[in-house]
């Protein structure tokens, strides 16, 4: 299976998002200045649907 976490982080950082804190388990909480809200990012993002949903919540376009 593909691992989308690394590419997802690159896209988030390129759009001004930054990590706020570690969440529970293998999740991270990121802040998106585009949507002005926090977004939960799983470190084991193996589904393109999950990766695209994170981008959608961050106010960004689909990339996967």
PDB file of N, CA and C in Angstrom:
ATOM      1  N   UNK A   1       0.820  -1.190   0.000  1.00  0.00           N
ATOM      2  CA  UNK A   1       0.000   0.000   0.000  1.00  0.00           C
ATOM      3  C   UNK A   1       0.860   1.248   0.000  1.00  0.00           C
ATOM      4  N   UNK A   2       0.326   2.271  -0.599  1.00  0.00           N
ATOM      5  CA  UNK A   2       1.046   3.547  -0.650  1.00  0.00           C
ATOM      6  C   UNK A   2       0.938   4.254   0.695  1.00  0.00           C
ATOM      7  N   UNK A   3       1.941   5.053   0.996  1.00  0.00           N
ATOM      8  CA  UNK A   3       1.931   5.858   2.207  1.00  0.00           C
ATOM      9  C   UNK A   3       1.884   7.320   1.775  1.00  0.00           C
ATOM     10  N   UNK A   4       0.793   8.001   2.052  1.00  0.00           N
ATOM     11  CA  UNK A   4       0.578   9.367   1.590  1.00  0.00           C
ATOM     12  C   UNK A   4       1.018  10.417   2.604  1.00  0.00           C
ATOM     13  N   UNK A   5       1.461  10.007   3.780  1.00  0.00           N
ATOM     14  CA  UNK A   5       1.766  10.957   4.852  1.00  0.00           C
ATOM     15  C   UNK A   5       2.831  11.976   4.443  1.00  0.00           C
ATOM     16  N   UNK A   6       3.931  11.509   3.892  1.00  0.00           N
ATOM     17  CA  UNK A   6       5.046  12.407   3.536  1.00  0.00           C
ATOM     18  C   UNK A   6       4.606  13.470   2.529  1.00  0.00           C
ATOM     19  N   UNK A   7       3.895  13.048   1.478  1.00  0.00           N
ATOM     20  CA  UNK A   7       3.421  14.003   0.470  1.00  0.00           C
ATOM     21  C   UNK A   7       2.364  14.940   1.057  1.00  0.00           C
ATOM     22  N   UNK A   8       1.526  14.416   1.910  1.00  0.00           N
ATOM     23  CA  UNK A   8       0.496  15.224   2.550  1.00  0.00           C
ATOM     24  C   UNK A   8       1.116  16.331   3.392  1.00  0.00           C
ATOM     25  N   UNK A   9       2.143  16.002   4.153  1.00  0.00           N
ATOM     26  CA  UNK A   9       2.831  16.991   4.986  1.00  0.00           C
ATOM     27  C   UNK A   9       3.474  18.067   4.118  1.00  0.00           C
ATOM     28  N   UNK A  10       4.078  17.674   3.013  1.00  0.00           N
ATOM     29  CA  UNK A  10       4.691  18.657   2.105  1.00  0.00           C
ATOM     30  C   UNK A  10       3.665  19.653   1.582  1.00  0.00           C
ATOM     31  N   UNK A  11       2.499  19.151   1.202  1.00  0.00           N
ATOM     32  CA  UNK A  11       1.442  20.023   0.681  1.00  0.00           C
ATOM     33  C   UNK A  11       0.935  20.956   1.777  1.00  0.00           C
ATOM     34  N   UNK A  12       0.729  20.423   2.966  1.00  0.00           N
ATOM     35  CA  UNK A  12       0.255  21.248   4.069  1.00  0.00           C
ATOM     36  C   UNK A  12       1.254  22.354   4.395  1.00  0.00           C
ATOM     37  N   UNK A  13       2.537  22.007   4.489  1.00  0.00           N
ATOM     38  CA  UNK A  13       3.559  22.993   4.817  1.00  0.00           C
ATOM     39  C   UNK A  13       3.696  24.049   3.719  1.00  0.00           C
ATOM     40  N   UNK A  14       3.567  23.644   2.468  1.00  0.00           N
ATOM     41  CA  UNK A  14       3.673  24.587   1.348  1.00  0.00           C
ATOM     42  C   UNK A  14       2.542  25.613   1.368  1.00  0.00           C
ATOM     43  N   UNK A  15       1.443  25.278   2.024  1.00  0.00           N
ATOM     44  CA  UNK A  15       0.305  26.190   2.098  1.00  0.00           C
ATOM     45  C   UNK A  15       0.203  26.897   3.449  1.00  0.00           C
ATOM     46  N   UNK A  16       1.273  26.876   4.213  1.00  0.00           N
ATOM     47  CA  UNK A  16       1.338  27.632   5.462  1.00  0.00           C
ATOM     48  C   UNK A  16       0.800  26.918   6.680  1.00  0.00           C
ATOM     49  N   UNK A  17       0.443  25.662   6.556  1.00  0.00           N
ATOM     50  CA  UNK A  17      -0.048  24.896   7.707  1.00  0.00           C
ATOM     51  C   UNK A  17       1.130  24.492   8.588  1.00  0.00           C
ATOM     52  N   UNK A  18       0.871  24.327   9.859  1.00  0.00           N
ATOM     53  CA  UNK A  18       1.930  23.905  10.777  1.00  0.00           C
ATOM     54  C   UNK A  18       1.350  23.009  11.862  1.00  0.00           C
ATOM     55  N   UNK A  19       2.240  22.180  12.415  1.00  0.00           N
ATOM     56  CA  UNK A  19       1.828  21.233  13.444  1.00  0.00           C
ATOM     57  C   UNK A  19       1.651  21.976  14.770  1.00  0.00           C
ATOM     58  N   UNK A  20       0.542  21.700  15.420  1.00  0.00           N
ATOM     59  CA  UNK A  20       0.229  22.330  16.704  1.00  0.00           C
ATOM     60  C   UNK A  20       0.708  21.450  17.847  1.00  0.00           C
ATOM     61  N   UNK A  21       0.358  20.140  17.749  1.00  0.00           N
ATOM     62  CA  UNK A  21       0.734  19.208  18.810  1.00  0.00           C
ATOM     63  C   UNK A  21       0.504  17.783  18.326  1.00  0.00           C
ATOM     64  N   UNK A  22       0.995  16.839  19.107  1.00  0.00           N
ATOM     65  CA  UNK A  22       0.715  15.430  18.860  1.00  0.00           C
ATOM     66  C   UNK A  22      -0.689  15.132  19.375  1.00  0.00           C
ATOM     67  N   UNK A  23      -1.418  14.339  18.634  1.00  0.00           N
ATOM     68  CA  UNK A  23      -2.738  13.919  19.088  1.00  0.00           C
ATOM     69  C   UNK A  23      -2.634  12.566  19.762  1.00  0.00           C
ATOM     70  N   UNK A  24      -3.768  11.904  19.917  1.00  0.00           N
ATOM     71  CA  UNK A  24      -3.768  10.574  20.517  1.00  0.00           C
ATOM     72  C   UNK A  24      -3.265   9.557  19.509  1.00  0.00           C
ATOM     73  N   UNK A  25      -2.534   8.586  20.009  1.00  0.00           N
ATOM     74  CA  UNK A  25      -2.035   7.524  19.135  1.00  0.00           C
ATOM     75  C   UNK A  25      -1.076   8.056  18.093  1.00  0.00           C
ATOM     76  N   UNK A  26      -1.330   7.711  16.844  1.00  0.00           N
ATOM     77  CA  UNK A  26      -0.422   8.114  15.772  1.00  0.00           C
ATOM     78  C   UNK A  26      -1.012   9.258  14.952  1.00  0.00           C
ATOM     79  N   UNK A  27      -1.653  10.211  15.612  1.00  0.00           N
ATOM     80  CA  UNK A  27      -2.240  11.351  14.929  1.00  0.00           C
ATOM     81  C   UNK A  27      -1.525  12.637  15.329  1.00  0.00           C
ATOM     82  N   UNK A  28      -1.584  13.615  14.440  1.00  0.00           N
ATOM     83  CA  UNK A  28      -1.038  14.935  14.713  1.00  0.00           C
ATOM     84  C   UNK A  28      -2.146  15.957  14.479  1.00  0.00           C
ATOM     85  N   UNK A  29      -2.087  17.052  15.223  1.00  0.00           N
ATOM     86  CA  UNK A  29      -3.040  18.143  15.049  1.00  0.00           C
ATOM     87  C   UNK A  29      -2.306  19.277  14.338  1.00  0.00           C
ATOM     88  N   UNK A  30      -2.806  19.663  13.170  1.00  0.00           N
ATOM     89  CA  UNK A  30      -2.221  20.729  12.368  1.00  0.00           C
ATOM     90  C   UNK A  30      -3.185  21.903  12.308  1.00  0.00           C
ATOM     91  N   UNK A  31      -2.639  23.121  12.196  1.00  0.00           N
ATOM     92  CA  UNK A  31      -3.459  24.315  12.012  1.00  0.00           C
ATOM     93  C   UNK A  31      -3.363  24.764  10.566  1.00  0.00           C
ATOM     94  N   UNK A  32      -4.509  25.066   9.960  1.00  0.00           N
ATOM     95  CA  UNK A  32      -4.556  25.554   8.587  1.00  0.00           C
ATOM     96  C   UNK A  32      -5.009  27.007   8.580  1.00  0.00           C
ATOM     97  N   UNK A  33      -4.144  27.936   8.146  1.00  0.00           N
ATOM     98  CA  UNK A  33      -4.563  29.336   8.064  1.00  0.00           C
ATOM     99  C   UNK A  33      -5.563  29.574   6.934  1.00  0.00           C
ATOM    100  N   UNK A  34      -5.641  28.657   5.979  1.00  0.00           N
ATOM    101  CA  UNK A  34      -6.585  28.789   4.868  1.00  0.00           C
ATOM    102  C   UNK A  34      -8.020  28.619   5.374  1.00  0.00           C
ATOM    103  N   UNK A  35      -8.257  27.560   6.149  1.00  0.00           N
ATOM    104  CA  UNK A  35      -9.601  27.306   6.677  1.00  0.00           C
ATOM    105  C   UNK A  35      -9.771  27.849   8.098  1.00  0.00           C
ATOM    106  N   UNK A  36      -8.672  28.303   8.700  1.00  0.00           N
ATOM    107  CA  UNK A  36      -8.680  28.855  10.054  1.00  0.00           C
ATOM    108  C   UNK A  36      -9.191  27.845  11.078  1.00  0.00           C
ATOM    109  N   UNK A  37      -8.740  26.593  10.950  1.00  0.00           N
ATOM    110  CA  UNK A  37      -9.149  25.541  11.879  1.00  0.00           C
ATOM    111  C   UNK A  37      -8.063  24.491  12.015  1.00  0.00           C
ATOM    112  N   UNK A  38      -8.194  23.673  13.051  1.00  0.00           N
ATOM    113  CA  UNK A  38      -7.273  22.564  13.267  1.00  0.00           C
ATOM    114  C   UNK A  38      -7.739  21.345  12.481  1.00  0.00           C
ATOM    115  N   UNK A  39      -6.772  20.575  11.991  1.00  0.00           N
ATOM    116  CA  UNK A  39      -7.042  19.386  11.187  1.00  0.00           C
ATOM    117  C   UNK A  39      -6.261  18.228  11.784  1.00  0.00           C
ATOM    118  N   UNK A  40      -6.896  17.070  11.909  1.00  0.00           N
ATOM    119  CA  UNK A  40      -6.240  15.877  12.412  1.00  0.00           C
ATOM    120  C   UNK A  40      -5.623  15.115  11.252  1.00  0.00           C
ATOM    121  N   UNK A  41      -4.321  14.828  11.356  1.00  0.00           N
ATOM    122  CA  UNK A  41      -3.597  14.124  10.296  1.00  0.00           C
ATOM    123  C   UNK A  41      -3.064  12.810  10.865  1.00  0.00           C
ATOM    124  N   UNK A  42      -3.560  11.665  10.362  1.00  0.00           N
ATOM    125  CA  UNK A  42      -3.019  10.377  10.813  1.00  0.00           C
ATOM    126  C   UNK A  42      -1.638  10.131  10.208  1.00  0.00           C
ATOM    127  N   UNK A  43      -0.691   9.695  11.023  1.00  0.00           N
ATOM    128  CA  UNK A  43       0.664   9.451  10.528  1.00  0.00           C
ATOM    129  C   UNK A  43       0.724   8.243   9.600  1.00  0.00           C
ATOM    130  N   UNK A  44      -0.242   7.373   9.678  1.00  0.00           N
ATOM    131  CA  UNK A  44      -0.271   6.190   8.817  1.00  0.00           C
ATOM    132  C   UNK A  44      -1.342   6.374   7.741  1.00  0.00           C
ATOM    133  N   UNK A  45      -1.261   7.466   6.996  1.00  0.00           N
ATOM    134  CA  UNK A  45      -2.242   7.751   5.950  1.00  0.00           C
ATOM    135  C   UNK A  45      -1.935   6.870   4.749  1.00  0.00           C
ATOM    136  N   UNK A  46      -2.728   5.812   4.568  1.00  0.00           N
ATOM    137  CA  UNK A  46      -2.479   4.870   3.488  1.00  0.00           C
ATOM    138  C   UNK A  46      -3.561   4.917   2.421  1.00  0.00           C
ATOM    139  N   UNK A  47      -4.575   5.729   2.607  1.00  0.00           N
ATOM    140  CA  UNK A  47      -5.659   5.830   1.654  1.00  0.00           C
ATOM    141  C   UNK A  47      -5.658   7.211   1.007  1.00  0.00           C
ATOM    142  N   UNK A  48      -5.793   7.245  -0.307  1.00  0.00           N
ATOM    143  CA  UNK A  48      -5.834   8.546  -0.985  1.00  0.00           C
ATOM    144  C   UNK A  48      -7.099   9.299  -0.594  1.00  0.00           C
ATOM    145  N   UNK A  49      -8.149   8.572  -0.248  1.00  0.00           N
ATOM    146  CA  UNK A  49      -9.393   9.214   0.171  1.00  0.00           C
ATOM    147  C   UNK A  49      -9.203   9.951   1.499  1.00  0.00           C
ATOM    148  N   UNK A  50      -8.487   9.334   2.412  1.00  0.00           N
ATOM    149  CA  UNK A  50      -8.199   9.980   3.693  1.00  0.00           C
ATOM    150  C   UNK A  50      -7.318  11.205   3.485  1.00  0.00           C
ATOM    151  N   UNK A  51      -6.299  11.069   2.635  1.00  0.00           N
ATOM    152  CA  UNK A  51      -5.402  12.191   2.358  1.00  0.00           C
ATOM    153  C   UNK A  51      -6.167  13.355   1.743  1.00  0.00           C
ATOM    154  N   UNK A  52      -7.044  13.070   0.784  1.00  0.00           N
ATOM    155  CA  UNK A  52      -7.831  14.131   0.161  1.00  0.00           C
ATOM    156  C   UNK A  52      -8.814  14.762   1.146  1.00  0.00           C
ATOM    157  N   UNK A  53      -9.351  13.988   2.070  1.00  0.00           N
ATOM    158  CA  UNK A  53     -10.263  14.527   3.069  1.00  0.00           C
ATOM    159  C   UNK A  53      -9.535  15.478   4.021  1.00  0.00           C
ATOM    160  N   UNK A  54      -8.306  15.142   4.383  1.00  0.00           N
ATOM    161  CA  UNK A  54      -7.505  16.033   5.226  1.00  0.00           C
ATOM    162  C   UNK A  54      -7.286  17.357   4.496  1.00  0.00           C
ATOM    163  N   UNK A  55      -6.953  17.283   3.204  1.00  0.00           N
ATOM    164  CA  UNK A  55      -6.747  18.503   2.420  1.00  0.00           C
ATOM    165  C   UNK A  55      -8.036  19.324   2.325  1.00  0.00           C
ATOM    166  N   UNK A  56      -9.155  18.643   2.166  1.00  0.00           N
ATOM    167  CA  UNK A  56     -10.447  19.323   2.091  1.00  0.00           C
ATOM    168  C   UNK A  56     -10.745  20.060   3.392  1.00  0.00           C
ATOM    169  N   UNK A  57     -10.490  19.401   4.529  1.00  0.00           N
ATOM    170  CA  UNK A  57     -10.719  20.034   5.820  1.00  0.00           C
ATOM    171  C   UNK A  57      -9.792  21.227   6.035  1.00  0.00           C
ATOM    172  N   UNK A  58      -8.609  21.163   5.414  1.00  0.00           N
ATOM    173  CA  UNK A  58      -7.648  22.259   5.529  1.00  0.00           C
ATOM    174  C   UNK A  58      -7.961  23.389   4.548  1.00  0.00           C
ATOM    175  N   UNK A  59      -8.984  23.207   3.702  1.00  0.00           N
ATOM    176  CA  UNK A  59      -9.363  24.240   2.743  1.00  0.00           C
ATOM    177  C   UNK A  59      -8.548  24.210   1.465  1.00  0.00           C
ATOM    178  N   UNK A  60      -7.949  23.064   1.162  1.00  0.00           N
ATOM    179  CA  UNK A  60      -7.083  22.938  -0.016  1.00  0.00           C
ATOM    180  C   UNK A  60      -7.715  22.018  -1.053  1.00  0.00           C
ATOM    181  N   UNK A  61      -7.186  22.075  -2.272  1.00  0.00           N
ATOM    182  CA  UNK A  61      -7.669  21.238  -3.376  1.00  0.00           C
ATOM    183  C   UNK A  61      -7.210  19.798  -3.209  1.00  0.00           C
ATOM    184  N   UNK A  62      -7.939  18.872  -3.826  1.00  0.00           N
ATOM    185  CA  UNK A  62      -7.514  17.465  -3.861  1.00  0.00           C
ATOM    186  C   UNK A  62      -6.171  17.367  -4.558  1.00  0.00           C
ATOM    187  N   UNK A  63      -5.323  16.438  -4.129  1.00  0.00           N
ATOM    188  CA  UNK A  63      -4.020  16.262  -4.750  1.00  0.00           C
ATOM    189  C   UNK A  63      -3.716  14.795  -5.045  1.00  0.00           C
ATOM    190  N   UNK A  64      -4.548  13.888  -4.586  1.00  0.00           N
ATOM    191  CA  UNK A  64      -4.263  12.464  -4.754  1.00  0.00           C
ATOM    192  C   UNK A  64      -5.378  11.773  -5.502  1.00  0.00           C
TER     193      UNK A  64
END
